C-alpha atoms as a PDB file:
ATOM      1  CA  UNK A   1     -75.031  59.171  95.885  1.00  0.00           C
ATOM      2  CA  UNK A   2     -72.596  56.639  95.813  1.00  0.00           C
ATOM      3  CA  UNK A   3     -68.934  56.808  95.063  1.00  0.00           C
ATOM      4  CA  UNK A   4     -69.230  54.126  92.587  1.00  0.00           C
ATOM      5  CA  UNK A   5     -72.154  55.643  91.246  1.00  0.00           C
ATOM      6  CA  UNK A   6     -70.409  58.565  90.710  1.00  0.00           C
ATOM      7  CA  UNK A   7     -67.294  56.874  89.159  1.00  0.00           C
ATOM      8  CA  UNK A   8     -69.515  55.397  87.053  1.00  0.00           C
ATOM      9  CA  UNK A   9     -71.436  58.366  86.074  1.00  0.00           C
ATOM     10  CA  UNK A  10     -67.838  60.177  85.777  1.00  0.00           C
ATOM     11  CA  UNK A  11     -66.615  57.551  83.354  1.00  0.00           C
ATOM     12  CA  UNK A  12     -69.624  57.749  81.363  1.00  0.00           C
ATOM     13  CA  UNK A  13     -69.645  61.778  81.259  1.00  0.00           C
ATOM     14  CA  UNK A  14     -65.892  61.139  80.592  1.00  0.00           C
ATOM     15  CA  UNK A  15     -66.793  58.635  77.895  1.00  0.00           C
ATOM     16  CA  UNK A  16     -69.555  60.982  76.552  1.00  0.00           C
ATOM     17  CA  UNK A  17     -67.011  63.837  76.685  1.00  0.00           C
ATOM     18  CA  UNK A  18     -64.264  61.866  74.566  1.00  0.00           C
ATOM     19  CA  UNK A  19     -67.031  60.929  72.193  1.00  0.00           C
ATOM     20  CA  UNK A  20     -67.844  64.501  71.773  1.00  0.00           C
ATOM     21  CA  UNK A  21     -64.303  65.536  71.167  1.00  0.00           C
ATOM     22  CA  UNK A  22     -64.041  62.884  68.759  1.00  0.00           C
ATOM     23  CA  UNK A  23     -67.272  63.872  67.232  1.00  0.00           C
ATOM     24  CA  UNK A  24     -66.173  67.633  67.288  1.00  0.00           C
ATOM     25  CA  UNK A  25     -62.888  66.683  65.820  1.00  0.00           C
ATOM     26  CA  UNK A  26     -64.200  64.459  63.265  1.00  0.00           C
ATOM     27  CA  UNK A  27     -66.634  67.162  62.669  1.00  0.00           C
ATOM     28  CA  UNK A  28     -64.030  69.507  62.059  1.00  0.00           C
ATOM     29  CA  UNK A  29     -62.274  67.581  59.947  1.00  0.00           C
ATOM     30  CA  UNK A  30     -65.282  67.114  57.657  1.00  0.00           C
ATOM     31  CA  UNK A  31     -65.858  70.502  57.464  1.00  0.00           C
ATOM     32  CA  UNK A  32     -62.581  71.165  56.560  1.00  0.00           C
ATOM     33  CA  UNK A  33     -62.804  68.512  53.961  1.00  0.00           C
ATOM     34  CA  UNK A  34     -66.271  69.759  52.725  1.00  0.00           C
ATOM     35  CA  UNK A  35     -64.144  73.568  52.537  1.00  0.00           C
ATOM     36  CA  UNK A  36     -61.648  71.692  50.630  1.00  0.00           C
ATOM     37  CA  UNK A  37     -64.066  69.944  48.403  1.00  0.00           C
ATOM     38  CA  UNK A  38     -66.132  73.117  48.069  1.00  0.00           C
ATOM     39  CA  UNK A  39     -62.852  74.748  46.690  1.00  0.00           C
ATOM     40  CA  UNK A  40     -62.034  71.989  44.551  1.00  0.00           C
ATOM     41  CA  UNK A  41     -65.536  72.196  43.190  1.00  0.00           C
ATOM     42  CA  UNK A  42     -65.332  75.752  42.652  1.00  0.00           C
ATOM     43  CA  UNK A  43     -62.062  75.311  40.713  1.00  0.00           C
ATOM     44  CA  UNK A  44     -63.465  72.620  38.918  1.00  0.00           C
ATOM     45  CA  UNK A  45     -66.500  74.646  37.830  1.00  0.00           C
ATOM     46  CA  UNK A  46     -64.242  77.688  36.806  1.00  0.00           C
ATOM     47  CA  UNK A  47     -62.439  75.173  34.718  1.00  0.00           C
ATOM     48  CA  UNK A  48     -65.756  74.124  33.160  1.00  0.00           C
ATOM     49  CA  UNK A  49     -66.654  77.634  32.568  1.00  0.00           C
ATOM     50  CA  UNK A  50     -63.220  78.474  31.301  1.00  0.00           C
ATOM     51  CA  UNK A  51     -63.289  75.148  28.703  1.00  0.00           C
ATOM     52  CA  UNK A  52     -67.026  76.374  27.677  1.00  0.00           C
ATOM     53  CA  UNK A  53     -65.754  79.778  26.988  1.00  0.00           C
ATOM     54  CA  UNK A  54     -62.651  78.206  24.778  1.00  0.00           C
ATOM     55  CA  UNK A  55     -65.055  75.872  23.374  1.00  0.00           C
ATOM     56  CA  UNK A  56     -67.207  78.439  22.369  1.00  0.00           C
ATOM     57  CA  UNK A  57     -64.369  80.574  21.015  1.00  0.00           C
ATOM     58  CA  UNK A  58     -62.608  77.755  19.140  1.00  0.00           C
ATOM     59  CA  UNK A  59     -66.122  77.042  17.432  1.00  0.00           C
ATOM     60  CA  UNK A  60     -66.379  80.559  16.454  1.00  0.00           C
ATOM     61  CA  UNK A  61     -62.767  80.456  15.214  1.00  0.00           C
ATOM     62  CA  UNK A  62     -63.787  77.421  13.170  1.00  0.00           C
ATOM     63  CA  UNK A  63     -66.783  78.506  11.683  1.00  0.00           C
ATOM     64  CA  UNK A  64     -64.862  81.559  10.687  1.00  0.00           C
ATOM     65  CA  UNK A  65     -62.086  79.109   8.934  1.00  0.00           C
ATOM     66  CA  UNK A  66     -65.033  77.752   7.346  1.00  0.00           C
ATOM     67  CA  UNK A  67     -66.123  80.506   5.653  1.00  0.00           C
ATOM     68  CA  UNK A  68     -62.872  81.418   4.943  1.00  0.00           C
ATOM     69  CA  UNK A  69     -62.113  78.097   3.275  1.00  0.00           C
ATOM     70  CA  UNK A  70     -65.468  78.475   1.342  1.00  0.00           C
ATOM     71  CA  UNK A  71     -64.331  81.697  -0.014  1.00  0.00           C
ATOM     72  CA  UNK A  72     -60.831  80.710  -0.959  1.00  0.00           C
ATOM     73  CA  UNK A  73     -62.842  77.696  -2.683  1.00  0.00           C
ATOM     74  CA  UNK A  74     -64.901  80.249  -4.784  1.00  0.00           C
ATOM     75  CA  UNK A  75     -62.099  82.433  -5.554  1.00  0.00           C
ATOM     76  CA  UNK A  76     -59.862  79.254  -6.711  1.00  0.00           C
ATOM     77  CA  UNK A  77     -62.781  78.459  -8.930  1.00  0.00           C
ATOM     78  CA  UNK A  78     -62.838  81.626 -10.586  1.00  0.00           C
ATOM     79  CA  UNK A  79     -58.953  81.853 -10.774  1.00  0.00           C
ATOM     80  CA  UNK A  80     -59.337  78.317 -12.367  1.00  0.00           C
ATOM     81  CA  UNK A  81     -62.034  79.527 -14.678  1.00  0.00           C
ATOM     82  CA  UNK A  82     -59.801  82.683 -15.621  1.00  0.00           C
ATOM     83  CA  UNK A  83     -56.809  80.480 -16.532  1.00  0.00           C
ATOM     84  CA  UNK A  84     -59.296  78.236 -18.755  1.00  0.00           C
ATOM     85  CA  UNK A  85     -60.092  81.333 -20.376  1.00  0.00           C
ATOM     86  CA  UNK A  86     -56.615  82.640 -20.734  1.00  0.00           C
ATOM     87  CA  UNK A  87     -55.645  79.235 -22.036  1.00  0.00           C
ATOM     88  CA  UNK A  88     -58.682  79.121 -24.717  1.00  0.00           C
ATOM     89  CA  UNK A  89     -57.316  82.768 -25.699  1.00  0.00           C
ATOM     90  CA  UNK A  90     -53.963  81.748 -26.380  1.00  0.00           C
ATOM     91  CA  UNK A  91     -54.811  78.666 -27.907  1.00  0.00           C
ATOM     92  CA  UNK A  92     -56.825  81.053 -30.645  1.00  0.00           C
ATOM     93  CA  UNK A  93     -53.813  83.096 -30.967  1.00  0.00           C
ATOM     94  CA  UNK A  94     -51.608  80.391 -31.823  1.00  0.00           C
ATOM     95  CA  UNK A  95     -54.172  79.031 -34.260  1.00  0.00           C
ATOM     96  CA  UNK A  96     -53.932  82.844 -35.607  1.00  0.00           C
ATOM     97  CA  UNK A  97     -50.318  82.890 -35.231  1.00  0.00           C
ATOM     98  CA  UNK A  98     -50.063  79.792 -37.190  1.00  0.00           C
ATOM     99  CA  UNK A  99     -52.411  81.095 -39.936  1.00  0.00           C
ATOM    100  CA  UNK A 100     -50.328  84.248 -40.306  1.00  0.00           C
ATOM    101  CA  UNK A 101     -47.087  82.296 -40.471  1.00  0.00           C
ATOM    102  CA  UNK A 102     -48.796  80.099 -43.180  1.00  0.00           C
ATOM    103  CA  UNK A 103     -49.498  83.013 -45.259  1.00  0.00           C
ATOM    104  CA  UNK A 104     -46.108  84.580 -44.432  1.00  0.00           C
ATOM    105  CA  UNK A 105     -44.675  81.568 -45.959  1.00  0.00           C
ATOM    106  CA  UNK A 106     -47.185  81.658 -49.135  1.00  0.00           C
ATOM    107  CA  UNK A 107     -46.069  85.377 -49.396  1.00  0.00           C
ATOM    108  CA  UNK A 108     -42.284  84.595 -49.132  1.00  0.00           C
ATOM    109  CA  UNK A 109     -42.816  81.946 -51.816  1.00  0.00           C
ATOM    110  CA  UNK A 110     -44.589  84.172 -54.260  1.00  0.00           C
ATOM    111  CA  UNK A 111     -41.848  86.706 -53.648  1.00  0.00           C
ATOM    112  CA  UNK A 112     -39.257  84.128 -54.446  1.00  0.00           C
ATOM    113  CA  UNK A 113     -40.938  83.361 -57.879  1.00  0.00           C
ATOM    114  CA  UNK A 114     -41.537  86.790 -58.468  1.00  0.00           C
ATOM    115  CA  UNK A 115     -37.589  87.945 -57.858  1.00  0.00           C
ATOM    116  CA  UNK A 116     -36.894  84.629 -59.961  1.00  0.00           C
ATOM    117  CA  UNK A 117     -39.131  85.966 -62.880  1.00  0.00           C
ATOM    118  CA  UNK A 118     -37.717  89.371 -61.886  1.00  0.00           C
ATOM    119  CA  UNK A 119     -34.123  87.946 -62.907  1.00  0.00           C
ATOM    120  CA  UNK A 120     -35.240  86.116 -65.830  1.00  0.00           C
ATOM    121  CA  UNK A 121     -36.565  89.434 -67.120  1.00  0.00           C
ATOM    122  CA  UNK A 122     -33.493  91.370 -66.333  1.00  0.00           C
ATOM    123  CA  UNK A 123     -31.327  88.688 -68.180  1.00  0.00           C
ATOM    124  CA  UNK A 124     -33.535  89.161 -71.258  1.00  0.00           C
ATOM    125  CA  UNK A 125     -33.217  92.728 -71.001  1.00  0.00           C
ATOM    126  CA  UNK A 126     -29.497  92.549 -70.545  1.00  0.00           C
ATOM    127  CA  UNK A 127     -29.154  90.437 -73.697  1.00  0.00           C
ATOM    128  CA  UNK A 128     -31.712  93.011 -75.664  1.00  0.00           C
ATOM    129  CA  UNK A 129     -29.397  95.599 -74.328  1.00  0.00           C
ATOM    130  CA  UNK A 130     -26.447  94.157 -75.648  1.00  0.00           C
ATOM    131  CA  UNK A 131     -28.273  93.577 -79.040  1.00  0.00           C
ATOM    132  CA  UNK A 132     -29.054  96.896 -79.308  1.00  0.00           C
ATOM    133  CA  UNK A 133     -25.548  98.239 -78.603  1.00  0.00           C
ATOM    134  CA  UNK A 134     -23.869  95.670 -80.752  1.00  0.00           C
ATOM    135  CA  UNK A 135     -25.967  95.701 -83.969  1.00  0.00           C
ATOM    136  CA  UNK A 136     -23.200  94.634 -86.023  1.00  0.00           C
ATOM    137  CA  UNK A 137     -23.274  91.156 -83.877  1.00  0.00           C
ATOM    138  CA  UNK A 138     -25.619  88.701 -84.411  1.00  0.00           C
ATOM    139  CA  UNK A 139     -26.607  87.621 -80.970  1.00  0.00           C
ATOM    140  CA  UNK A 140     -28.948  84.771 -80.806  1.00  0.00           C
ATOM    141  CA  UNK A 141     -31.308  84.977 -78.212  1.00  0.00           C
ATOM    142  CA  UNK A 142     -30.820  82.321 -75.214  1.00  0.00           C
ATOM    143  CA  UNK A 143     -33.757  79.800 -75.603  1.00  0.00           C
ATOM    144  CA  UNK A 144     -35.423  79.996 -72.173  1.00  0.00           C
ATOM    145  CA  UNK A 145     -34.567  83.815 -72.200  1.00  0.00           C
ATOM    146  CA  UNK A 146     -37.762  86.133 -72.290  1.00  0.00           C
ATOM    147  CA  UNK A 147     -38.120  89.716 -73.285  1.00  0.00           C
ATOM    148  CA  UNK A 148     -40.191  92.320 -71.755  1.00  0.00           C
ATOM    149  CA  UNK A 149     -43.225  92.584 -74.422  1.00  0.00           C
ATOM    150  CA  UNK A 150     -44.075  88.649 -74.015  1.00  0.00           C
ATOM    151  CA  UNK A 151     -46.977  87.962 -72.619  1.00  0.00           C
ATOM    152  CA  UNK A 152     -45.852  85.763 -70.275  1.00  0.00           C
ATOM    153  CA  UNK A 153     -43.787  88.467 -68.446  1.00  0.00           C
ATOM    154  CA  UNK A 154     -46.579  89.192 -65.426  1.00  0.00           C
ATOM    155  CA  UNK A 155     -46.181  88.713 -61.825  1.00  0.00           C
ATOM    156  CA  UNK A 156     -48.709  86.340 -60.251  1.00  0.00           C
ATOM    157  CA  UNK A 157     -52.104  87.881 -59.739  1.00  0.00           C
ATOM    158  CA  UNK A 158     -52.263  87.657 -56.109  1.00  0.00           C
ATOM    159  CA  UNK A 159     -48.518  88.172 -55.452  1.00  0.00           C
ATOM    160  CA  UNK A 160     -49.433  91.679 -53.783  1.00  0.00           C
ATOM    161  CA  UNK A 161     -52.733  91.510 -53.539  1.00  0.00           C
ATOM    162  CA  UNK A 162     -53.239  94.157 -56.479  1.00  0.00           C
ATOM    163  CA  UNK A 163     -55.595  93.109 -59.017  1.00  0.00           C
ATOM    164  CA  UNK A 164     -54.340  92.701 -62.672  1.00  0.00           C
ATOM    165  CA  UNK A 165     -54.756  95.271 -65.073  1.00  0.00           C
END
């Protein structure tokens, strides 16, 4: 063989070896990049799994909160009904209290009328007593004064809620 051919063959072999070295270097770089990509992919998959788990947990919590909110709304509705019932009862009691106050005012008016009538009778009795104690003096009875045996001496029939005799 010839030296030139050998040189040419050596150059081709060196060129092929350079290409092989370049390819090996490129292959190693690609393998490292592939490993990095696989690591990133595994990390991304782990993050996706974590996010899915978080999503499921949060969905469950949201559903629980929804149930809790529904229960609270039902309880609030019951409380509103209770409040309305209590208000209605209070209104009824206010009406009853007003009725009782009116009845009390009526009784007070009747008591006042009876007290005034009693005072008139007492004045009349005093006048009669004076007449009986001092028979020698002629005391004329006042025109408005009444005495016990008069038919006008009577308490109003319904003053104390007792029937008249």
